[in-house]
Amino acid sequence: MASGSLPRQLNGGFGNPSKDLLSGLVVAFAMIPEAIAFSGIAGVDPQVGLFGAFLLSITIAFVGGRSAMITSATGSTALLMTGLVATGEARGEGLGLTYLLVAGVVTGILQILWGWLRLAYQMRFVPLGVLSGFVNALALLIFQAQFPQLGINLHFGETDASGHAHDLLPHGNQLPIIWGLVLLGLAIIYGLPRLTRLVPSQLVAIVALTAISILVFPESGIPTVSSLGDLPTGLPLPSWPFGSPDQLKVPFSFETLGIVLPTALAISLVGLMETFLTQDILDDRTDSNSNKNVEARGQGIANIVSSLFGGMAGCALVGQSVMNIDNGGRTRLSTLFSGVSLLAMILLGRPWLEQIPMAALVAVMISIAVSTADIAGLRRIRSIPKSDTAVMLMTFAVTMLTTPHNLALGVIAGVALAGILFSRKVAKVIRVDAVDVNENIRRYVVSGQLFFVSKIYFLQGFDLHNHPNQITIDMSAAHIWDQSGVSALNQVIRKLQQGGSKVEVLGLNQESLNLFERIGSQPDGAHG
């Protein structure tokens, strides 16, 4: 936990308590449908997502690095859990959730480690093209995850991607009703804000579609939230996930670690990336600064607490965090009260929540997918540099083509391509100009950065077949970065000397000279 007393943790006071409390209450309403829907994506009971949302919000209010930011179950992390849950279920019915909880604990440990290693500073090197590809892939995956509830089965098997039985999905005469409800829900979500923003349009859509399904289609049998599994009936209780498989537990072993580590690593990195992105947005909107490394450790602690109490791991939510700020939430009190309100609504409104049609959640998730996508970036795709477009497409393609879809691997591929393209641009910055003082004296002036990528352009700047008596290489405006640069300069000197020229190197800065000394090489005639 970050240092400081409780009042200090609540941002030095309660600020404007009424606005914080009201904003937290509104955010809690918006968190319910998403937590349930993300549980469905991951392939676990709704209570896992709801418990996760409650526990993450409460914990992060005390240990996070950014006031008024909302942390909960998210689509980006839920999508990474699907494969692990399916693997666990294949090893034993009911073990999918246990493996997921173990992965959540490991995720938290990794995020605490990333915080201590100051990983946040490295996130500065993630280009916008990678972020654009990341959110676009995330948006498509969230949208694609709704297909089974729309009667579109892309897996042609007995279970959908989340591991739910196919007979629980809509079919036959239910499909026209579900499609109609989804379209009506989208109309409310996008139409209501034009009339009023006093209440979240997603909440209104859920209430309206639930009322219609109960009053107009009581005998249709369309899937509801209760079809996904159990809702909470009480407070979450601590549970240790390690033990005998007969008790729906997994062994504490390297085998278990090997099963959960790839998923935990992906969740830890993807979760922090989305959290840091949200943090930047809130810092900009509130004209303030926050500590990302403290937030990374706080996210880790929150994910461990959530997992040990039966909730799924998560990260910061962009939409709900912005909603909190726009509604006047400024301190940790708003985050704390959103979690408390969420739990109260879950326990008091359980019978009503069970009757929410899945069509309502599909409409909500489609709207989330649309808001997640980088629409503005896609519109500017013809005007932005081709290198940025290539990075965005690489991130998107790797994420979509991996099985299961791996957002972390997509980000790594995008960053790698961005690094290669940047190196190519930097390589062309080096310049070699030749000046013939007279027929016996030639002067080369080198400017730019000499390293493994720019080596070829450096060598091309010298005429190694013409050998005047005296050659001077002026390196005053250049810098040598690595062994390849040292080798390239030595190669030029050796070739010119073999042709009979006397070579003098001028202007090498101290760092470049030190590099020559460490490598055990010294260019002939070199001067600092």
Protein backbone atom coordinates (compact mmCIF):
# COMPACT_ATOMS: atom_id res chain seq x y z
CA MET A 1 0.00 0.00 0.00
CA ALA A 2 1.24 3.48 -0.75
CA SER A 3 2.46 5.32 2.29
CA GLY A 4 0.26 7.75 4.22
CA SER A 5 -2.67 7.84 6.57
CA LEU A 6 -6.28 7.38 5.52
CA PRO A 7 -7.04 11.11 5.16
CA ARG A 8 -3.92 11.53 3.06
CA GLN A 9 -4.93 8.58 0.91
CA LEU A 10 -8.21 10.33 0.25
CA ASN A 11 -6.29 13.08 -1.49
CA GLY A 12 -5.80 15.38 1.46
CA GLY A 13 -9.51 15.61 2.28
CA PHE A 14 -12.90 15.02 0.76
CA GLY A 15 -12.99 18.09 -1.49
CA ASN A 16 -16.64 18.41 -2.47
CA PRO A 17 -18.24 15.30 -0.86
CA SER A 18 -21.65 15.75 -2.43
CA LYS A 19 -20.26 15.75 -5.97
CA ASP A 20 -17.96 12.84 -5.22
CA LEU A 21 -20.77 10.75 -3.74
CA LEU A 22 -23.21 11.53 -6.54
CA SER A 23 -20.60 10.84 -9.22
CA GLY A 24 -19.63 7.55 -7.57
CA LEU A 25 -23.28 6.48 -7.51
CA VAL A 26 -23.79 7.24 -11.22
CA VAL A 27 -20.58 5.42 -12.14
CA ALA A 28 -21.72 2.37 -10.14
CA PHE A 29 -24.86 2.12 -12.29
CA ALA A 30 -22.72 2.16 -15.43
CA MET A 31 -20.34 -0.49 -14.04
CA ILE A 32 -22.99 -3.16 -13.43
CA PRO A 33 -23.82 -4.09 -17.04
CA GLU A 34 -20.19 -4.04 -18.10
CA ALA A 35 -19.05 -6.24 -15.21
CA ILE A 36 -21.73 -8.79 -16.07
CA ALA A 37 -20.95 -8.65 -19.78
CA PHE A 38 -17.20 -8.98 -19.24
CA SER A 39 -17.85 -12.05 -17.09
CA GLY A 40 -19.61 -13.56 -20.07
CA ILE A 41 -16.66 -12.79 -22.32
CA ALA A 42 -14.25 -14.46 -19.90
CA GLY A 43 -16.54 -17.48 -19.55
CA VAL A 44 -17.32 -17.24 -15.81
CA ASP A 45 -20.42 -16.52 -13.69
CA PRO A 46 -21.61 -12.89 -13.47
CA GLN A 47 -20.73 -12.76 -9.77
CA VAL A 48 -17.03 -13.08 -10.64
CA GLY A 49 -17.09 -9.85 -12.64
CA LEU A 50 -19.34 -8.08 -10.13
CA PHE A 51 -17.17 -9.07 -7.18
CA GLY A 52 -14.11 -8.01 -9.16
CA ALA A 53 -15.62 -4.60 -9.93
CA PHE A 54 -16.52 -4.03 -6.26
CA LEU A 55 -13.21 -5.24 -4.82
CA LEU A 56 -11.04 -3.46 -7.36
CA SER A 57 -12.82 -0.14 -6.82
CA ILE A 58 -12.65 -0.32 -3.04
CA THR A 59 -8.98 -1.36 -2.96
CA ILE A 60 -7.68 1.06 -5.57
CA ALA A 61 -9.32 3.96 -3.72
CA PHE A 62 -6.66 3.50 -1.02
CA VAL A 63 -3.59 2.25 -2.89
CA GLY A 64 -3.86 3.81 -6.36
CA GLY A 65 -1.68 6.58 -7.77
CA ARG A 66 -4.46 8.61 -9.40
CA SER A 67 -7.46 10.15 -7.61
CA ALA A 68 -10.96 9.66 -9.07
CA MET A 69 -9.88 6.94 -11.52
CA ILE A 70 -12.22 3.95 -11.78
CA THR A 71 -10.81 0.42 -11.83
CA SER A 72 -12.97 -2.61 -12.60
CA ALA A 73 -13.27 -5.70 -14.77
CA THR A 74 -12.53 -4.65 -18.35
CA GLY A 75 -12.92 -5.97 -21.86
CA SER A 76 -9.18 -5.93 -22.58
CA THR A 77 -8.39 -8.18 -19.61
CA ALA A 78 -11.51 -10.37 -19.98
CA LEU A 79 -10.58 -11.21 -23.56
CA LEU A 80 -7.22 -12.51 -22.37
CA MET A 81 -8.90 -14.81 -19.82
CA THR A 82 -11.06 -16.81 -22.23
CA GLY A 83 -8.39 -19.32 -23.25
CA LEU A 84 -7.23 -19.94 -19.68
CA VAL A 85 -10.77 -20.57 -18.44
CA ALA A 86 -11.35 -23.03 -21.29
CA THR A 87 -8.05 -24.78 -20.47
CA GLY A 88 -9.04 -25.08 -16.83
CA GLU A 89 -12.47 -26.49 -17.66
CA ALA A 90 -10.80 -29.08 -19.90
CA ARG A 91 -8.72 -30.24 -16.92
CA GLY A 92 -11.78 -30.51 -14.69
CA GLU A 93 -15.26 -29.02 -14.49
CA GLY A 94 -15.18 -25.89 -12.36
CA LEU A 95 -11.39 -25.51 -12.46
CA GLY A 96 -11.54 -22.75 -15.09
CA LEU A 97 -12.42 -20.17 -12.45
CA THR A 98 -9.73 -21.45 -10.08
CA TYR A 99 -7.02 -21.10 -12.70
CA LEU A 100 -8.36 -17.63 -13.45
CA LEU A 101 -8.07 -16.60 -9.80
CA VAL A 102 -4.51 -17.94 -9.61
CA ALA A 103 -3.69 -15.95 -12.76
CA GLY A 104 -5.12 -12.86 -11.06
CA VAL A 105 -2.79 -13.30 -8.08
CA VAL A 106 0.22 -13.77 -10.37
CA THR A 107 -0.90 -10.74 -12.38
CA GLY A 108 -0.91 -8.65 -9.22
CA ILE A 109 2.57 -9.82 -8.23
CA LEU A 110 3.90 -8.97 -11.70
CA GLN A 111 2.31 -5.52 -11.65
CA ILE A 112 3.85 -4.76 -8.26
CA LEU A 113 7.18 -5.83 -9.77
CA TRP A 114 6.62 -3.61 -12.84
CA GLY A 115 5.88 -0.72 -10.49
CA TRP A 116 9.11 -1.19 -8.54
CA LEU A 117 11.03 -1.51 -11.83
CA ARG A 118 9.48 1.80 -12.98
CA LEU A 119 7.93 0.25 -16.06
CA ALA A 120 5.77 3.36 -16.46
CA TYR A 121 8.80 5.27 -17.70
CA GLN A 122 9.24 2.73 -20.49
CA MET A 123 5.65 3.25 -21.61
CA ARG A 124 6.76 6.63 -22.94
CA PHE A 125 8.34 4.79 -25.84
CA VAL A 126 5.05 3.23 -27.00
CA PRO A 127 4.08 5.20 -30.14
CA LEU A 128 0.58 6.34 -31.00
CA GLY A 129 0.40 3.83 -33.86
CA VAL A 130 0.68 0.97 -31.35
CA LEU A 131 -2.00 2.50 -29.11
CA SER A 132 -4.28 2.95 -32.12
CA GLY A 133 -3.82 -0.66 -33.23
CA PHE A 134 -4.32 -1.82 -29.63
CA VAL A 135 -7.66 -0.06 -29.13
CA ASN A 136 -8.92 -0.99 -32.61
CA ALA A 137 -8.14 -4.66 -32.02
CA LEU A 138 -9.74 -4.45 -28.59
CA ALA A 139 -12.86 -2.87 -30.08
CA LEU A 140 -13.20 -5.57 -32.73
CA LEU A 141 -12.66 -8.36 -30.20
CA ILE A 142 -15.32 -6.92 -27.89
CA PHE A 143 -17.72 -6.66 -30.84
CA GLN A 144 -16.86 -10.16 -32.04
CA ALA A 145 -17.49 -11.57 -28.57
CA GLN A 146 -21.16 -10.53 -28.92
CA PHE A 147 -21.76 -12.73 -31.98
CA PRO A 148 -22.90 -15.83 -30.05
CA GLN A 149 -25.59 -13.81 -28.25
CA LEU A 150 -26.77 -12.62 -31.67
CA GLY A 151 -27.11 -16.21 -32.88
CA ILE A 152 -23.89 -16.08 -34.90
CA ASN A 153 -21.79 -19.14 -34.05
CA LEU A 154 -18.30 -18.82 -35.49
CA HIS A 155 -17.00 -21.92 -33.72
CA PHE A 156 -19.41 -24.54 -35.09
CA GLY A 157 -19.18 -26.56 -31.93
CA GLU A 158 -21.12 -27.29 -28.80
CA THR A 159 -19.67 -24.33 -26.94
CA ASP A 160 -18.99 -20.74 -27.83
CA ALA A 161 -15.70 -18.92 -27.30
CA SER A 162 -16.53 -18.35 -23.66
CA GLY A 163 -17.24 -22.00 -22.99
CA HIS A 164 -21.00 -21.61 -22.60
CA ALA A 165 -23.24 -24.38 -23.80
CA HIS A 166 -24.64 -23.73 -27.23
CA ASP A 167 -28.21 -24.49 -26.14
CA LEU A 168 -28.09 -21.47 -23.82
CA LEU A 169 -27.59 -19.18 -26.80
CA PRO A 170 -30.50 -17.69 -28.79
CA HIS A 171 -31.93 -19.70 -31.64
CA GLY A 172 -34.97 -20.05 -33.84
CA ASN A 173 -37.84 -17.65 -33.15
CA GLN A 174 -35.82 -15.89 -30.45
CA LEU A 175 -33.44 -14.30 -32.96
CA PRO A 176 -35.83 -11.66 -34.42
CA ILE A 177 -36.78 -10.58 -30.87
CA ILE A 178 -33.14 -10.34 -29.80
CA TRP A 179 -32.05 -8.41 -32.88
CA GLY A 180 -34.97 -6.01 -32.42
CA LEU A 181 -34.08 -5.45 -28.76
CA VAL A 182 -30.42 -4.85 -29.60
CA LEU A 183 -31.31 -2.28 -32.27
CA LEU A 184 -33.72 -0.54 -29.88
CA GLY A 185 -31.03 -0.52 -27.18
CA LEU A 186 -28.52 1.08 -29.55
CA ALA A 187 -31.11 3.68 -30.55
CA ILE A 188 -31.60 4.61 -26.89
CA ILE A 189 -27.87 4.64 -26.12
CA TYR A 190 -27.05 7.00 -28.97
CA GLY A 191 -30.32 8.94 -29.10
CA LEU A 192 -30.96 9.79 -25.46
CA PRO A 193 -27.80 11.93 -24.97
CA ARG A 194 -29.18 14.33 -27.57
CA LEU A 195 -32.13 14.98 -25.26
CA THR A 196 -30.55 14.74 -21.80
CA ARG A 197 -27.37 13.59 -20.06
CA LEU A 198 -28.78 13.56 -16.53
CA VAL A 199 -28.82 9.74 -16.48
CA PRO A 200 -26.50 7.30 -18.31
CA SER A 201 -28.12 6.28 -21.59
CA GLN A 202 -26.76 2.74 -21.16
CA LEU A 203 -28.65 2.41 -17.88
CA VAL A 204 -31.87 3.68 -19.48
CA ALA A 205 -31.44 1.17 -22.32
CA ILE A 206 -31.06 -1.70 -19.86
CA VAL A 207 -34.15 -0.68 -17.86
CA ALA A 208 -36.24 -0.20 -21.00
CA LEU A 209 -35.24 -3.49 -22.64
CA THR A 210 -35.75 -5.40 -19.40
CA ALA A 211 -39.26 -3.98 -19.06
CA ILE A 212 -40.08 -4.82 -22.67
CA SER A 213 -38.79 -8.38 -22.40
CA ILE A 214 -40.83 -8.98 -19.22
CA LEU A 215 -44.06 -7.28 -20.34
CA VAL A 216 -44.10 -7.96 -24.08
CA PHE A 217 -42.15 -11.22 -24.46
CA PRO A 218 -42.68 -13.09 -21.18
CA GLU A 219 -42.83 -16.53 -22.86
CA SER A 220 -40.07 -16.04 -25.42
CA GLY A 221 -37.38 -17.71 -23.30
CA ILE A 222 -34.67 -15.35 -24.56
CA PRO A 223 -31.39 -15.58 -22.62
CA THR A 224 -31.06 -13.35 -19.56
CA VAL A 225 -28.29 -12.62 -17.10
CA SER A 226 -29.41 -15.61 -15.04
CA SER A 227 -28.54 -17.79 -18.06
CA LEU A 228 -24.88 -16.93 -17.55
CA GLY A 229 -24.72 -18.26 -14.01
CA ASP A 230 -25.10 -17.24 -10.39
CA LEU A 231 -25.33 -13.70 -9.07
CA PRO A 232 -23.97 -12.79 -5.63
CA THR A 233 -26.20 -13.46 -2.61
CA GLY A 234 -23.82 -12.03 -0.01
CA LEU A 235 -20.45 -10.48 0.63
CA PRO A 236 -17.41 -12.05 -1.05
CA LEU A 237 -15.42 -14.38 1.19
CA PRO A 238 -11.67 -15.04 1.04
CA SER A 239 -10.69 -18.28 -0.66
CA TRP A 240 -7.26 -19.89 -1.16
CA PRO A 241 -7.15 -21.35 -4.72
CA PHE A 242 -4.50 -23.99 -4.01
CA GLY A 243 -5.34 -27.49 -2.84
CA SER A 244 -7.03 -30.66 -4.09
CA PRO A 245 -8.86 -30.74 -7.46
CA ASP A 246 -11.74 -32.48 -5.67
CA GLN A 247 -12.27 -29.19 -3.82
CA LEU A 248 -12.12 -27.20 -7.08
CA LYS A 249 -8.58 -26.11 -6.28
CA VAL A 250 -5.30 -26.46 -8.15
CA PRO A 251 -1.91 -27.69 -6.92
CA PHE A 252 0.72 -25.18 -5.81
CA SER A 253 3.34 -26.24 -8.36
CA PHE A 254 5.50 -25.13 -11.26
CA GLU A 255 3.02 -26.87 -13.58
CA THR A 256 0.24 -24.57 -12.40
CA LEU A 257 2.53 -21.57 -12.75
CA GLY A 258 3.39 -22.62 -16.29
CA ILE A 259 -0.31 -22.79 -17.18
CA VAL A 260 -1.26 -19.37 -15.79
CA LEU A 261 1.94 -17.37 -16.38
CA PRO A 262 1.39 -16.52 -20.10
CA THR A 263 -2.11 -15.22 -19.36
CA ALA A 264 -0.98 -13.39 -16.20
CA LEU A 265 1.90 -11.75 -18.04
CA ALA A 266 -0.41 -10.59 -20.83
CA ILE A 267 -3.01 -9.25 -18.39
CA SER A 268 -0.36 -7.42 -16.35
CA LEU A 269 1.03 -5.60 -19.38
CA VAL A 270 -2.21 -4.93 -21.21
CA GLY A 271 -3.91 -3.84 -17.98
CA LEU A 272 -1.14 -1.37 -17.17
CA MET A 273 -1.12 0.00 -20.70
CA GLU A 274 -4.86 0.74 -20.55
CA THR A 275 -4.48 2.10 -17.01
CA PHE A 276 -1.65 4.45 -17.97
CA LEU A 277 -3.60 5.61 -21.02
CA THR A 278 -6.58 6.39 -18.78
CA GLN A 279 -4.28 8.12 -16.30
CA ASP A 280 -2.92 10.40 -19.03
CA ILE A 281 -6.44 11.30 -20.13
CA LEU A 282 -7.51 12.22 -16.58
CA ASP A 283 -4.30 14.15 -15.89
CA ASP A 284 -4.95 16.20 -19.01
CA ARG A 285 -8.63 16.82 -18.19
CA THR A 286 -7.89 17.89 -14.62
CA ASP A 287 -4.59 19.69 -15.34
CA SER A 288 -2.81 17.60 -12.71
CA ASN A 289 -0.04 15.02 -12.38
CA SER A 290 -0.13 11.51 -10.94
CA ASN A 291 2.41 8.79 -10.26
CA LYS A 292 2.17 5.89 -12.72
CA ASN A 293 4.57 3.65 -10.82
CA VAL A 294 2.49 4.01 -7.64
CA GLU A 295 -0.58 3.24 -9.75
CA ALA A 296 1.09 0.10 -11.16
CA ARG A 297 1.76 -1.19 -7.64
CA GLY A 298 -1.77 -0.22 -6.59
CA GLN A 299 -3.26 -2.12 -9.53
CA GLY A 300 -1.22 -5.14 -8.51
CA ILE A 301 -2.44 -5.02 -4.91
CA ALA A 302 -6.04 -4.57 -6.07
CA ASN A 303 -5.84 -7.55 -8.44
CA ILE A 304 -4.42 -9.77 -5.68
CA VAL A 305 -7.20 -8.74 -3.27
CA SER A 306 -9.88 -9.25 -5.93
CA SER A 307 -8.58 -12.69 -6.89
CA LEU A 308 -8.30 -13.93 -3.31
CA PHE A 309 -11.94 -12.95 -2.74
CA GLY A 310 -13.28 -14.61 -5.90
CA GLY A 311 -13.25 -11.63 -8.28
CA MET A 312 -11.63 -11.34 -11.68
CA ALA A 313 -8.58 -9.17 -12.36
CA GLY A 314 -9.02 -5.87 -14.15
CA CYS A 315 -7.61 -2.42 -14.79
CA ALA A 316 -8.70 1.20 -15.16
CA LEU A 317 -11.81 1.91 -17.23
CA VAL A 318 -11.48 4.81 -19.67
CA GLY A 319 -15.21 5.47 -20.09
CA GLN A 320 -16.21 5.28 -16.43
CA SER A 321 -13.16 7.28 -15.31
CA VAL A 322 -13.99 10.10 -17.72
CA MET A 323 -17.63 9.89 -16.63
CA ASN A 324 -16.54 10.25 -13.01
CA ILE A 325 -14.48 13.36 -13.77
CA ASP A 326 -17.23 14.91 -15.91
CA ASN A 327 -19.76 14.39 -13.10
CA GLY A 328 -17.57 16.23 -10.59
CA GLY A 329 -15.64 13.36 -8.99
CA ARG A 330 -12.21 14.61 -7.96
CA THR A 331 -11.03 12.64 -4.93
CA ARG A 332 -10.65 9.01 -3.93
CA LEU A 333 -14.02 9.27 -2.22
CA SER A 334 -15.76 9.02 -5.60
CA THR A 335 -13.87 5.81 -6.41
CA LEU A 336 -14.57 4.38 -2.97
CA PHE A 337 -18.27 5.17 -3.11
CA SER A 338 -18.64 3.72 -6.60
CA GLY A 339 -17.50 0.36 -5.23
CA VAL A 340 -19.71 0.56 -2.13
CA SER A 341 -22.74 1.59 -4.21
CA LEU A 342 -22.06 -1.22 -6.67
CA LEU A 343 -22.12 -3.86 -3.95
CA ALA A 344 -25.29 -2.41 -2.41
CA MET A 345 -27.08 -2.46 -5.76
CA ILE A 346 -25.91 -6.01 -6.46
CA LEU A 347 -27.20 -7.37 -3.15
CA LEU A 348 -30.45 -5.37 -3.09
CA GLY A 349 -31.27 -5.64 -6.79
CA ARG A 350 -30.34 -9.26 -7.46
CA PRO A 351 -33.85 -10.39 -8.57
CA TRP A 352 -34.03 -7.52 -11.04
CA LEU A 353 -30.50 -8.05 -12.36
CA GLU A 354 -31.26 -11.70 -13.13
CA GLN A 355 -34.04 -10.62 -15.51
CA ILE A 356 -31.89 -8.32 -17.64
CA PRO A 357 -31.98 -9.74 -21.20
CA MET A 358 -28.61 -10.51 -22.71
CA ALA A 359 -29.72 -8.40 -25.70
CA ALA A 360 -29.45 -5.33 -23.46
CA LEU A 361 -25.86 -6.20 -22.53
CA VAL A 362 -25.04 -6.84 -26.18
CA ALA A 363 -26.23 -3.33 -27.04
CA VAL A 364 -24.11 -1.90 -24.23
CA MET A 365 -21.03 -3.85 -25.33
CA ILE A 366 -21.44 -2.80 -28.97
CA SER A 367 -21.52 0.84 -27.86
CA ILE A 368 -18.40 0.23 -25.78
CA ALA A 369 -16.67 -1.32 -28.78
CA VAL A 370 -17.52 1.73 -30.91
CA SER A 371 -16.29 4.18 -28.26
CA THR A 372 -13.12 2.13 -27.75
CA ALA A 373 -12.07 2.19 -31.41
CA ASP A 374 -9.81 4.95 -32.68
CA ILE A 375 -12.33 6.29 -35.17
CA ALA A 376 -10.52 9.60 -35.60
CA GLY A 377 -7.27 7.79 -36.39
CA LEU A 378 -8.98 5.60 -38.99
CA ARG A 379 -10.43 8.67 -40.68
CA ARG A 380 -6.95 10.22 -40.92
CA ILE A 381 -5.30 7.04 -42.16
CA ARG A 382 -4.53 8.59 -45.58
CA SER A 383 -2.88 11.67 -44.11
CA ILE A 384 -0.79 10.18 -41.31
CA PRO A 385 2.75 8.88 -42.10
CA LYS A 386 2.83 5.45 -43.71
CA SER A 387 5.14 4.21 -40.96
CA ASP A 388 2.48 4.98 -38.32
CA THR A 389 -0.13 3.19 -40.40
CA ALA A 390 2.15 0.16 -40.74
CA VAL A 391 2.70 0.05 -36.98
CA MET A 392 -1.03 0.30 -36.32
CA LEU A 393 -1.80 -2.48 -38.80
CA MET A 394 0.97 -4.70 -37.38
CA THR A 395 -0.39 -4.35 -33.84
CA PHE A 396 -3.93 -5.00 -35.05
CA ALA A 397 -3.01 -7.96 -37.28
CA VAL A 398 -0.85 -9.81 -34.74
CA THR A 399 -3.55 -9.42 -32.10
CA MET A 400 -6.28 -10.73 -34.38
CA LEU A 401 -4.25 -13.57 -35.93
CA THR A 402 -2.92 -15.09 -32.71
CA THR A 403 -4.92 -17.91 -31.11
CA PRO A 404 -6.11 -17.07 -28.54
CA HIS A 405 -6.09 -13.39 -29.41
CA ASN A 406 -3.13 -11.83 -27.60
CA LEU A 407 -3.19 -8.05 -27.11
CA ALA A 408 0.17 -8.10 -25.34
CA LEU A 409 1.88 -9.88 -28.25
CA GLY A 410 0.29 -7.40 -30.66
CA VAL A 411 1.69 -4.48 -28.67
CA ILE A 412 5.17 -6.06 -28.59
CA ALA A 413 5.08 -6.63 -32.37
CA GLY A 414 3.95 -3.04 -32.96
CA VAL A 415 6.68 -1.58 -30.76
CA ALA A 416 9.29 -3.77 -32.48
CA LEU A 417 8.20 -2.60 -35.94
CA ALA A 418 8.11 1.02 -34.77
CA GLY A 419 11.68 0.64 -33.51
CA ILE A 420 12.85 -0.80 -36.83
CA LEU A 421 11.17 1.95 -38.86
CA PHE A 422 12.54 4.62 -36.54
CA SER A 423 16.04 3.19 -36.87
CA ARG A 424 15.78 3.40 -40.64
CA LYS A 425 14.80 7.06 -40.40
CA VAL A 426 17.63 7.84 -37.98
CA ALA A 427 20.09 5.96 -40.17
CA LYS A 428 19.57 8.42 -43.01
CA VAL A 429 20.35 11.36 -40.75
CA ILE A 430 24.11 10.68 -40.93
CA ARG A 431 25.89 12.65 -43.62
CA VAL A 432 29.40 12.57 -45.08
CA ASP A 433 30.58 15.58 -47.13
CA ALA A 434 33.86 15.46 -49.09
CA VAL A 435 35.92 18.61 -49.75
CA ASP A 436 39.06 18.54 -51.94
CA VAL A 437 41.42 21.18 -50.52
CA ASN A 438 43.82 20.47 -53.39
CA GLU A 439 44.84 17.45 -55.43
CA ASN A 440 46.83 16.04 -52.50
CA ILE A 441 44.52 16.83 -49.58
CA ARG A 442 40.90 15.70 -49.07
CA ARG A 443 38.70 16.49 -46.07
CA TYR A 444 35.63 14.46 -45.03
CA VAL A 445 33.12 16.10 -42.66
CA VAL A 446 30.82 13.62 -40.87
CA SER A 447 27.63 14.75 -39.10
CA GLY A 448 24.98 12.61 -37.42
CA GLN A 449 24.76 9.38 -35.42
CA LEU A 450 26.95 6.41 -36.29
CA PHE A 451 25.62 3.03 -35.13
CA PHE A 452 24.65 -0.35 -36.56
CA VAL A 453 21.80 0.95 -38.73
CA SER A 454 23.59 4.01 -40.16
CA LYS A 455 26.83 2.13 -40.83
CA ILE A 456 26.00 1.45 -44.48
CA TYR A 457 25.22 5.12 -45.22
CA PHE A 458 28.46 6.15 -43.48
CA LEU A 459 30.56 3.79 -45.62
CA GLN A 460 28.86 4.96 -48.81
CA GLY A 461 29.99 8.52 -48.09
CA PHE A 462 33.70 7.70 -48.63
CA ASP A 463 35.55 7.20 -51.90
CA LEU A 464 37.72 4.26 -50.93
CA HIS A 465 39.26 3.93 -54.41
CA ASN A 466 40.75 7.44 -54.63
CA HIS A 467 43.86 7.94 -52.49
CA PRO A 468 45.25 11.47 -52.12
CA ASN A 469 48.33 11.90 -49.92
CA GLN A 470 46.51 13.44 -46.93
CA ILE A 471 42.95 12.63 -45.77
CA THR A 472 41.28 14.24 -42.76
CA ILE A 473 38.03 12.86 -41.26
CA ASP A 474 36.29 15.50 -39.15
CA MET A 475 33.97 13.79 -36.60
CA SER A 476 33.18 16.96 -34.58
CA ALA A 477 29.50 16.85 -35.50
CA ALA A 478 29.14 13.06 -35.19
CA HIS A 479 28.68 10.59 -32.36
CA ILE A 480 29.59 6.88 -32.31
CA TRP A 481 27.14 4.72 -30.33
CA ASP A 482 28.15 1.08 -30.67
CA GLN A 483 30.65 -1.51 -31.85
CA SER A 484 29.29 -1.35 -35.40
CA GLY A 485 30.12 2.35 -35.54
CA VAL A 486 33.63 1.72 -34.23
CA SER A 487 34.11 -1.04 -36.82
CA ALA A 488 32.86 1.18 -39.64
CA LEU A 489 35.30 4.01 -38.85
CA ASN A 490 38.19 1.56 -38.50
CA GLN A 491 37.24 -0.03 -41.81
CA VAL A 492 37.35 3.33 -43.59
CA ILE A 493 40.73 4.21 -42.03
CA ARG A 494 42.21 0.81 -42.92
CA LYS A 495 41.04 0.94 -46.56
CA LEU A 496 42.38 4.46 -47.08
CA GLN A 497 45.70 3.62 -45.45
CA GLN A 498 46.08 0.51 -47.58
CA GLY A 499 45.77 2.76 -50.62
CA GLY A 500 48.71 4.86 -49.42
CA SER A 501 46.88 7.81 -47.83
CA LYS A 502 47.85 9.32 -44.49
CA VAL A 503 44.62 9.47 -42.45
CA GLU A 504 43.89 11.82 -39.55
CA VAL A 505 40.67 11.69 -37.50
CA LEU A 506 39.63 14.93 -35.79
CA GLY A 507 36.95 15.94 -33.34
CA LEU A 508 35.98 12.63 -31.75
CA ASN A 509 34.06 13.46 -28.58
CA GLN A 510 35.08 11.92 -25.27
CA GLU A 511 32.25 9.37 -25.22
CA SER A 512 33.25 8.07 -28.64
CA LEU A 513 36.91 7.87 -27.61
CA ASN A 514 35.91 6.00 -24.44
CA LEU A 515 33.95 3.53 -26.55
CA PHE A 516 37.04 2.84 -28.68
CA GLU A 517 39.07 2.24 -25.54
CA ARG A 518 36.51 -0.16 -24.03
CA ILE A 519 36.37 -2.18 -27.22
CA GLY A 520 40.18 -2.27 -27.34
CA SER A 521 40.59 -0.33 -30.54
CA GLN A 522 41.98 3.12 -31.30
CA PRO A 523 41.76 4.79 -34.73
CA ASP A 524 45.13 5.87 -36.09
CA GLY A 525 45.69 9.59 -35.91
CA ALA A 526 42.61 10.20 -33.83
CA HIS A 527 42.29 13.43 -31.86
CA GLY A 528 39.58 14.52 -29.47
